[in-house]
Protein backbone atom coordinates (compact mmCIF):
# COMPACT_ATOMS: atom_id res chain seq x y z
CA MET A 1 -31.56 182.22 174.74
CA ARG A 2 -30.85 183.61 178.18
CA ALA A 3 -32.10 182.48 181.57
CA VAL A 4 -31.83 183.96 185.03
CA VAL A 5 -32.18 180.97 187.34
CA GLN A 6 -32.98 181.51 190.99
CA ARG A 7 -33.19 178.90 193.70
CA VAL A 8 -36.35 179.68 195.64
CA THR A 9 -38.33 178.36 198.57
CA ARG A 10 -41.50 179.61 196.86
CA ALA A 11 -42.51 181.76 193.92
CA ARG A 12 -45.64 182.88 192.14
CA VAL A 13 -46.69 185.04 189.24
CA THR A 14 -49.93 186.98 189.06
CA VAL A 15 -51.73 188.71 186.20
CA ASP A 16 -54.53 191.15 187.04
CA ASP A 17 -54.45 189.99 190.70
CA GLU A 18 -54.95 186.34 189.67
CA VAL A 19 -52.26 183.73 190.37
CA VAL A 20 -51.42 182.10 187.04
CA GLY A 21 -48.43 180.03 188.18
CA ALA A 22 -46.92 179.14 191.55
CA ILE A 23 -44.52 176.75 193.22
CA ASP A 24 -44.30 175.99 196.93
CA GLY A 25 -41.33 174.33 198.51
CA PRO A 26 -37.77 174.29 197.17
CA GLY A 27 -37.56 174.83 193.41
CA LEU A 28 -36.36 177.14 190.66
CA LEU A 29 -37.65 180.36 189.18
CA VAL A 30 -36.48 180.81 185.59
CA LEU A 31 -36.77 184.18 183.84
CA LEU A 32 -36.38 183.36 180.14
CA GLY A 33 -35.41 185.64 177.27
CA VAL A 34 -35.22 184.74 173.58
CA THR A 35 -33.08 186.37 170.90
CA HIS A 36 -33.39 186.33 167.10
CA ASP A 37 -31.22 183.33 166.24
CA ASP A 38 -32.54 180.97 168.92
CA GLY A 39 -34.15 177.71 167.89
CA ARG A 40 -34.88 174.17 168.98
CA ALA A 41 -31.22 173.38 169.73
CA GLN A 42 -31.00 176.23 172.26
CA VAL A 43 -34.31 175.17 173.85
CA GLU A 44 -33.11 171.60 174.36
CA ARG A 45 -29.65 172.57 175.60
CA LEU A 46 -30.88 175.20 178.07
CA ALA A 47 -33.75 173.09 179.43
CA ALA A 48 -31.36 170.18 180.07
CA LYS A 49 -28.90 172.53 181.76
CA VAL A 50 -31.56 174.06 184.04
CA TRP A 51 -32.99 170.65 184.97
CA SER A 52 -29.60 169.16 185.82
CA LEU A 53 -27.88 172.23 187.31
CA ARG A 54 -26.56 171.30 190.76
CA ILE A 55 -27.63 174.45 192.62
CA MET A 56 -30.15 173.03 195.05
CA ARG A 57 -29.10 172.38 198.64
CA ASP A 58 -26.44 169.68 199.19
CA GLU A 59 -25.30 170.09 195.56
CA LYS A 60 -28.43 168.45 194.22
CA SER A 61 -30.21 169.37 191.01
CA ALA A 62 -33.89 169.99 190.43
CA SER A 63 -33.96 166.62 188.66
CA ASP A 64 -32.41 164.88 191.70
CA LEU A 65 -35.13 166.29 193.96
CA GLY A 66 -38.06 166.48 191.58
CA ALA A 67 -38.13 170.19 192.39
CA PRO A 68 -40.74 172.31 190.60
CA ILE A 69 -39.83 175.08 188.17
CA LEU A 70 -41.68 178.32 187.50
CA VAL A 71 -40.82 179.77 184.06
CA VAL A 72 -41.57 183.42 183.26
CA SER A 73 -40.94 185.04 179.87
CA GLN A 74 -38.83 188.20 180.10
CA PHE A 75 -37.71 189.95 176.93
CA THR A 76 -35.93 192.60 179.01
CA LEU A 77 -33.08 190.12 179.59
CA TYR A 78 -31.89 191.23 176.15
CA GLY A 79 -32.04 194.93 176.97
CA ASP A 80 -28.93 196.92 176.10
CA ALA A 81 -28.19 200.01 178.19
CA ARG A 82 -24.57 200.60 177.20
CA LYS A 83 -25.42 203.92 175.56
CA GLY A 84 -27.48 206.60 177.21
CA ARG A 85 -30.16 206.05 179.80
CA ARG A 86 -32.83 204.34 177.71
CA PRO A 87 -32.31 200.63 177.01
CA THR A 88 -32.87 199.23 173.54
CA TRP A 89 -34.60 195.91 173.02
CA ASN A 90 -33.20 195.17 169.54
CA ALA A 91 -31.63 191.87 170.61
CA ALA A 92 -34.92 190.50 171.96
CA ALA A 93 -36.85 188.38 169.48
CA PRO A 94 -40.38 189.55 168.64
CA GLY A 95 -43.33 187.75 170.18
CA GLU A 96 -44.10 185.64 167.11
CA VAL A 97 -40.58 184.18 167.38
CA SER A 98 -40.13 184.06 171.14
CA GLU A 99 -43.54 182.77 172.29
CA PRO A 100 -43.27 179.38 170.53
CA LEU A 101 -39.72 178.96 171.89
CA TYR A 102 -40.84 179.91 175.40
CA GLU A 103 -43.61 177.30 175.18
CA ALA A 104 -41.16 174.76 173.75
CA PHE A 105 -38.78 175.40 176.66
CA CYS A 106 -41.57 174.68 179.18
CA GLU A 107 -42.56 171.53 177.27
CA GLN A 108 -38.95 170.37 177.04
CA LEU A 109 -38.60 170.67 180.82
CA ARG A 110 -41.81 168.66 181.24
CA SER A 111 -40.52 165.99 178.88
CA LEU A 112 -37.43 165.70 181.09
CA GLY A 113 -39.68 165.06 184.09
CA ALA A 114 -40.06 168.53 185.60
CA LYS A 115 -43.24 169.86 187.16
CA VAL A 116 -43.49 173.22 185.38
CA GLU A 117 -45.63 176.23 186.16
CA SER A 118 -45.53 179.31 183.97
CA GLY A 119 -46.49 182.93 183.64
CA THR A 120 -48.61 184.39 180.85
CA PHE A 121 -46.55 185.27 177.78
CA GLY A 122 -46.69 188.98 176.92
CA ALA A 123 -48.74 189.95 179.96
CA MET A 124 -47.84 192.51 182.62
CA MET A 125 -46.95 190.16 185.46
CA ALA A 126 -46.11 190.52 189.13
CA VAL A 127 -43.48 187.99 190.15
CA GLU A 128 -43.02 187.21 193.82
CA LEU A 129 -40.28 184.97 195.15
CA LEU A 130 -38.35 184.05 198.21
CA ASN A 131 -34.80 183.57 196.97
CA ASP A 132 -32.99 180.78 198.80
CA GLY A 133 -29.34 181.44 199.53
CA PRO A 134 -29.57 183.75 197.68
CA THR A 135 -28.60 181.68 194.68
CA THR A 136 -28.96 183.27 191.25
CA LEU A 137 -27.22 182.34 187.99
CA ILE A 138 -27.34 183.75 184.46
CA LEU A 139 -27.18 181.13 181.70
CA ASP A 140 -26.77 181.73 177.97
CA ALA A 141 -27.44 179.05 175.38
C-alpha cells in the first residue's frame, strides 16, 4: 500500500463537475494506491501512520488538531516507467482487490477519530488542492 500525503489548506475532488469530497481548512490529502499483497495489516498500519504523522504546522499531527483528511484512490502510484515511455500498471491491484482495501482504509481512519472525505473509486476525478508548505510525503506500508 502506498500513499502520497500532502498537507493542504483545502482540497476537493469532483466527478462529472460534481463535488464528491472536500475539506476546508488545514488537513491532509491522501492519494492511495494498493498492490497485490496488501491486506488488513497494511490498512491498519498506514491509517495509523497517516493519522499520527507530525506534519501539520508546529509539528502537530492530524490527530492532534482533528484535521480532516480527503482520501483519493490512485492506482497510478504503482506505475512503473523504468523501461520505455509507456508505464506498466502490473504492480497495481485490480479493482476487486483494491476497492475493499481503499474503503477499509477510509473506515480505519474514521475509527481512529478522523473526519474523512473521499473520492469515487474507479471514476475519472479532478483533484484540486492548495498544498501548504509545500509538504508532501510518500509512505509505503
